[in-house]
Amino acid sequence: MLLQRVLTAIPLAIGIIWIILSPLKDVFFWLTMLVTALAAYEWAKLAGLKIAGQIVYLLLMCAIPWVVMNHAGQYMRFYIYAGAIWWFVISLYLFRTQPKNVSNKVSLPKLLAGILVIPAAVLAMNALHMQHDNGPQWLLYGLMLVWVADIGAYFSGKRYGRNKLAPAISPGKTREGLYGAVAAVCVYTAIAAYYFGLDMTSAAYLLLLAVVLTLVSVAGDLYESVLKREHGVKDSGAILPGHGGILDRIDSVLAAMPVFASGHALLLQPVFST
């Protein structure tokens, strides 16, 4: 299983990195729209919609970021800020809750949550990517931070994991894995701060933001676990061999990106056009 995951992840990562760093900005936008469509389809299924409803939900979710970016750019920051705030609030809830009983009924709260968090992440990634000063590089830093945290958590949890982080939601996650994720992210961020030529104050802000992002990314993973448990499925889909569905791969990204774009704009340099 691990080998299959790696063989799937490597070409995907290479392709994503190439698209992010490509001078063709529209290519990245349409990639995010494709991911939005796939993620929305899976989210709608986990929220209880049948095929017709899933298609309508998919179209709505694609329309929101497209309309905001092309016709209502002045509101982009507020959508992203709202997404970031939602993840902070839900993080407090997740570590104290237990999944409800399995149900295939339509859940309006879950559908509304998806309408907020998926477009917010897409808008955040595009806002970062469109920056004039190293925008693609900053976006790549944010995405790789999630990957580094995941790798750090996996190996640290596998070696030292004893204390469950949220046993009712995700029994495999441990506090030791979270500590390993934070440690790995701190080392990665120190290297990134040197690469971006940040002064000591900005580097400290970035390190603080990186720790927050690590915690929020875990919340994204846990929230998707709640969606799957309450729908009675192991994976959100089967489109990626060894990984499951799109949501299984981007759950942490959905949480981290609005927080990263917001924190980057407030602590480091402007992200949103005035």
Protein backbone atom coordinates (compact mmCIF):
# COMPACT_ATOMS: atom_id res chain seq x y z
CA MET A 1 0.00 0.00 0.00
CA LEU A 2 2.81 2.42 0.92
CA LEU A 3 4.62 1.71 -2.35
CA GLN A 4 1.42 2.33 -4.33
CA ARG A 5 0.89 5.61 -2.48
CA VAL A 6 4.43 6.72 -3.27
CA LEU A 7 4.19 5.72 -6.94
CA THR A 8 0.98 7.75 -7.24
CA ALA A 9 2.22 10.73 -5.24
CA ILE A 10 5.54 11.32 -7.04
CA PRO A 11 4.22 12.04 -10.55
CA LEU A 12 1.32 14.04 -9.07
CA ALA A 13 3.71 16.17 -7.02
CA ILE A 14 6.02 16.76 -9.99
CA GLY A 15 3.09 17.78 -12.19
CA ILE A 16 1.66 20.14 -9.56
CA ILE A 17 5.02 21.78 -8.91
CA TRP A 18 5.57 22.31 -12.64
CA ILE A 19 2.13 23.89 -13.05
CA ILE A 20 2.62 26.17 -10.02
CA LEU A 21 5.98 27.42 -11.29
CA SER A 22 4.85 27.65 -14.90
CA PRO A 23 4.68 31.20 -16.32
CA LEU A 24 1.27 30.30 -17.77
CA LYS A 25 -0.91 31.61 -14.91
CA ASP A 26 -4.18 30.39 -16.43
CA VAL A 27 -2.97 26.79 -16.31
CA PHE A 28 -2.86 26.89 -12.52
CA PHE A 29 -6.30 28.49 -12.29
CA TRP A 30 -7.88 25.76 -14.41
CA LEU A 31 -6.09 23.09 -12.39
CA THR A 32 -7.69 24.47 -9.24
CA MET A 33 -11.07 24.50 -10.97
CA LEU A 34 -10.65 20.82 -11.88
CA VAL A 35 -9.72 19.97 -8.30
CA THR A 36 -12.71 22.02 -7.11
CA ALA A 37 -15.07 20.00 -9.30
CA LEU A 38 -13.72 16.66 -8.08
CA ALA A 39 -13.64 17.74 -4.43
CA ALA A 40 -17.17 19.18 -4.62
CA TYR A 41 -18.49 15.96 -6.12
CA GLU A 42 -17.02 13.90 -3.29
CA TRP A 43 -18.11 16.40 -0.62
CA ALA A 44 -21.69 16.34 -1.91
CA LYS A 45 -21.68 12.55 -1.74
CA LEU A 46 -20.43 12.58 1.85
CA ALA A 47 -23.14 15.14 2.69
CA GLY A 48 -25.82 12.76 1.43
CA LEU A 49 -26.70 14.13 -2.03
CA LYS A 50 -27.54 11.74 -4.85
CA ILE A 51 -26.07 12.00 -8.35
CA ALA A 52 -28.29 14.86 -9.61
CA GLY A 53 -27.64 16.89 -6.49
CA GLN A 54 -23.93 16.13 -6.67
CA ILE A 55 -23.74 17.56 -10.19
CA VAL A 56 -25.66 20.72 -9.22
CA TYR A 57 -23.42 21.15 -6.17
CA LEU A 58 -20.32 20.63 -8.32
CA LEU A 59 -21.40 23.34 -10.75
CA LEU A 60 -22.19 25.76 -7.93
CA MET A 61 -18.83 25.20 -6.27
CA CYS A 62 -16.98 25.84 -9.52
CA ALA A 63 -19.05 28.94 -10.22
CA ILE A 64 -18.24 30.64 -6.90
CA PRO A 65 -14.45 31.03 -7.29
CA TRP A 66 -14.82 31.79 -11.00
CA VAL A 67 -17.31 34.61 -10.35
CA VAL A 68 -15.32 36.01 -7.43
CA MET A 69 -12.04 36.04 -9.34
CA ASN A 70 -13.45 37.44 -12.57
CA HIS A 71 -16.23 39.75 -11.42
CA ALA A 72 -15.97 40.37 -7.67
CA GLY A 73 -12.27 40.41 -6.84
CA GLN A 74 -12.78 43.06 -4.16
CA TYR A 75 -14.62 40.47 -2.06
CA MET A 76 -11.98 37.74 -2.36
CA ARG A 77 -10.24 38.61 0.88
CA PHE A 78 -13.46 38.44 2.89
CA TYR A 79 -14.27 34.97 1.56
CA ILE A 80 -10.78 33.79 2.45
CA TYR A 81 -10.88 35.39 5.91
CA ALA A 82 -14.25 33.74 6.54
CA GLY A 83 -12.78 30.38 5.58
CA ALA A 84 -9.82 30.88 7.92
CA ILE A 85 -12.07 31.85 10.83
CA TRP A 86 -14.29 28.82 10.20
CA TRP A 87 -11.30 26.49 10.49
CA PHE A 88 -10.19 28.06 13.77
CA VAL A 89 -13.68 27.62 15.19
CA ILE A 90 -14.16 24.07 13.95
CA SER A 91 -10.71 23.11 15.29
CA LEU A 92 -11.90 23.80 18.84
CA TYR A 93 -14.97 21.67 18.19
CA LEU A 94 -13.21 18.71 16.60
CA PHE A 95 -10.97 17.79 19.52
CA ARG A 96 -14.00 17.52 21.82
CA THR A 97 -16.57 15.79 19.65
CA GLN A 98 -17.45 12.32 18.46
CA PRO A 99 -18.84 11.43 15.04
CA LYS A 100 -22.60 10.96 14.89
CA ASN A 101 -24.22 7.71 13.86
CA VAL A 102 -23.83 6.66 10.23
CA SER A 103 -26.49 8.29 8.07
CA ASN A 104 -27.12 8.73 4.35
CA LYS A 105 -29.53 11.62 4.88
CA VAL A 106 -28.76 14.98 3.30
CA SER A 107 -26.91 17.26 5.75
CA LEU A 108 -27.47 20.96 5.08
CA PRO A 109 -24.75 22.09 7.56
CA LYS A 110 -22.16 19.96 5.74
CA LEU A 111 -23.24 21.31 2.35
CA LEU A 112 -22.99 24.89 3.63
CA ALA A 113 -19.58 24.18 5.15
CA GLY A 114 -18.36 22.92 1.78
CA ILE A 115 -19.63 26.05 0.04
CA LEU A 116 -17.40 28.05 2.37
CA VAL A 117 -14.22 26.00 2.74
CA ILE A 118 -13.60 24.66 -0.78
CA PRO A 119 -13.93 28.00 -2.65
CA ALA A 120 -12.02 29.75 0.17
CA ALA A 121 -9.06 27.40 -0.32
CA VAL A 122 -9.18 27.79 -4.10
CA LEU A 123 -9.32 31.57 -3.84
CA ALA A 124 -6.48 31.58 -1.30
CA MET A 125 -4.22 29.52 -3.55
CA ASN A 126 -4.91 31.72 -6.55
CA ALA A 127 -4.42 34.90 -4.51
CA LEU A 128 -1.01 33.65 -3.37
CA HIS A 129 -0.10 32.47 -6.86
CA MET A 130 -0.90 35.86 -8.41
CA GLN A 131 1.39 37.84 -6.11
CA HIS A 132 4.05 39.84 -7.93
CA ASP A 133 6.81 38.96 -5.43
CA ASN A 134 7.56 35.24 -5.50
CA GLY A 135 3.89 34.32 -5.50
CA PRO A 136 4.27 30.82 -6.98
CA GLN A 137 7.19 30.12 -4.63
CA TRP A 138 5.16 31.19 -1.59
CA LEU A 139 2.26 29.01 -2.68
CA LEU A 140 4.62 26.08 -3.15
CA TYR A 141 6.02 26.70 0.34
CA GLY A 142 2.50 26.52 1.81
CA LEU A 143 1.58 23.34 -0.02
CA MET A 144 4.87 21.65 0.80
CA LEU A 145 4.45 22.62 4.45
CA VAL A 146 1.34 20.44 4.53
CA TRP A 147 3.25 17.58 2.90
CA VAL A 148 6.20 17.98 5.29
CA ALA A 149 3.84 17.98 8.27
CA ASP A 150 2.17 14.82 7.00
CA ILE A 151 5.51 13.04 6.53
CA GLY A 152 6.79 14.20 9.93
CA ALA A 153 3.60 13.03 11.63
CA TYR A 154 3.70 9.65 9.90
CA PHE A 155 7.25 8.72 10.89
CA SER A 156 7.12 10.25 14.35
CA GLY A 157 3.78 8.62 15.11
CA LYS A 158 4.94 5.27 13.78
CA ARG A 159 8.09 5.35 15.93
CA TYR A 160 6.94 7.08 19.10
CA GLY A 161 3.13 7.19 18.94
CA ARG A 162 1.49 6.30 22.25
CA ASN A 163 -1.14 8.90 23.14
CA LYS A 164 -4.15 9.24 20.85
CA LEU A 165 -4.87 12.73 19.55
CA ALA A 166 -8.57 12.32 18.69
CA PRO A 167 -9.40 8.62 19.20
CA ALA A 168 -13.11 8.97 18.46
CA ILE A 169 -12.42 10.49 15.04
CA SER A 170 -9.06 9.15 13.86
CA PRO A 171 -7.55 6.42 16.08
CA GLY A 172 -4.32 6.38 14.08
CA LYS A 173 -3.34 9.95 14.95
CA THR A 174 -1.20 10.51 18.04
CA ARG A 175 0.12 13.49 19.95
CA GLU A 176 3.65 12.29 19.28
CA GLY A 177 2.87 12.36 15.56
CA LEU A 178 1.70 15.96 15.92
CA TYR A 179 4.91 16.88 17.74
CA GLY A 180 6.92 15.29 14.94
CA ALA A 181 4.92 17.25 12.37
CA VAL A 182 5.62 20.53 14.20
CA ALA A 183 9.33 19.73 14.49
CA ALA A 184 9.63 18.86 10.79
CA VAL A 185 7.75 22.00 9.77
CA CYS A 186 9.98 24.21 11.94
CA VAL A 187 13.12 22.87 10.25
CA TYR A 188 11.52 23.26 6.82
CA THR A 189 10.41 26.81 7.60
CA ALA A 190 13.88 27.83 8.80
CA ILE A 191 15.24 26.73 5.42
CA ALA A 192 12.42 28.54 3.61
CA ALA A 193 13.05 31.76 5.57
CA TYR A 194 16.68 31.68 4.42
CA TYR A 195 15.58 31.03 0.82
CA PHE A 196 13.19 33.99 0.85
CA GLY A 197 15.79 36.23 2.48
CA LEU A 198 13.60 37.17 5.44
CA ASP A 199 14.88 39.27 8.32
CA MET A 200 14.68 37.95 11.87
CA THR A 201 11.28 39.48 12.61
CA SER A 202 9.68 38.17 9.42
CA ALA A 203 11.29 34.76 9.95
CA ALA A 204 9.80 34.61 13.45
CA TYR A 205 6.37 35.52 12.07
CA LEU A 206 6.69 32.81 9.42
CA LEU A 207 7.71 30.24 12.03
CA LEU A 208 4.69 31.14 14.17
CA LEU A 209 2.42 30.93 11.14
CA ALA A 210 3.92 27.56 10.19
CA VAL A 211 3.09 26.08 13.61
CA VAL A 212 -0.48 27.39 13.37
CA LEU A 213 -0.80 25.95 9.87
CA THR A 214 0.36 22.56 11.10
CA LEU A 215 -2.35 22.50 13.77
CA VAL A 216 -5.02 23.70 11.35
CA SER A 217 -3.98 21.16 8.72
CA VAL A 218 -4.59 18.41 11.27
CA ALA A 219 -8.06 19.86 11.85
CA GLY A 220 -8.74 19.61 8.12
CA ASP A 221 -7.79 15.94 8.16
CA LEU A 222 -9.96 15.29 11.22
CA TYR A 223 -12.97 17.08 9.78
CA GLU A 224 -12.88 14.97 6.64
CA SER A 225 -12.59 11.88 8.85
CA VAL A 226 -15.81 12.98 10.56
CA LEU A 227 -17.54 13.34 7.18
CA LYS A 228 -16.45 9.86 6.14
CA ARG A 229 -17.32 8.19 9.43
CA GLU A 230 -20.77 9.73 9.52
CA HIS A 231 -21.37 8.57 5.95
CA GLY A 232 -20.00 5.09 6.66
CA VAL A 233 -17.12 5.03 4.15
CA LYS A 234 -13.36 4.56 4.46
CA ASP A 235 -12.35 6.87 1.58
CA SER A 236 -14.01 9.86 -0.04
CA GLY A 237 -13.51 8.27 -3.47
CA ALA A 238 -11.26 5.99 -5.48
CA ILE A 239 -9.77 8.26 -8.13
CA LEU A 240 -6.19 8.07 -6.78
CA PRO A 241 -4.73 4.56 -6.43
CA GLY A 242 -3.53 3.96 -2.89
CA HIS A 243 -4.81 7.34 -1.71
CA GLY A 244 -8.58 7.17 -2.11
CA GLY A 245 -10.37 10.27 -3.33
CA ILE A 246 -9.35 13.86 -3.97
CA LEU A 247 -10.62 14.97 -0.55
CA ASP A 248 -8.43 12.33 1.09
CA ARG A 249 -5.41 14.12 -0.38
CA ILE A 250 -6.42 17.76 -0.02
CA ASP A 251 -8.32 17.80 3.28
CA SER A 252 -5.37 19.41 5.09
CA VAL A 253 -4.79 21.80 2.18
CA LEU A 254 -8.40 23.00 2.33
CA ALA A 255 -7.83 24.01 5.94
CA ALA A 256 -4.31 25.38 5.64
CA MET A 257 -4.58 27.58 2.54
CA PRO A 258 -7.10 30.20 3.76
CA VAL A 259 -5.18 30.50 7.04
CA PHE A 260 -1.87 30.76 5.20
CA ALA A 261 -3.09 33.43 2.78
CA SER A 262 -4.64 35.42 5.64
CA GLY A 263 -1.57 35.13 7.87
CA HIS A 264 0.79 35.91 5.01
CA ALA A 265 -1.16 39.06 4.18
CA LEU A 266 -1.30 40.23 7.78
CA LEU A 267 2.21 39.32 8.95
CA LEU A 268 4.53 39.24 5.93
CA GLN A 269 3.45 41.02 2.75
CA PRO A 270 0.24 42.01 0.91
CA VAL A 271 -1.60 39.18 -0.80
CA PHE A 272 -4.88 40.81 -1.78
CA SER A 273 -5.12 43.67 -4.23
CA THR A 274 -6.79 46.77 -2.89
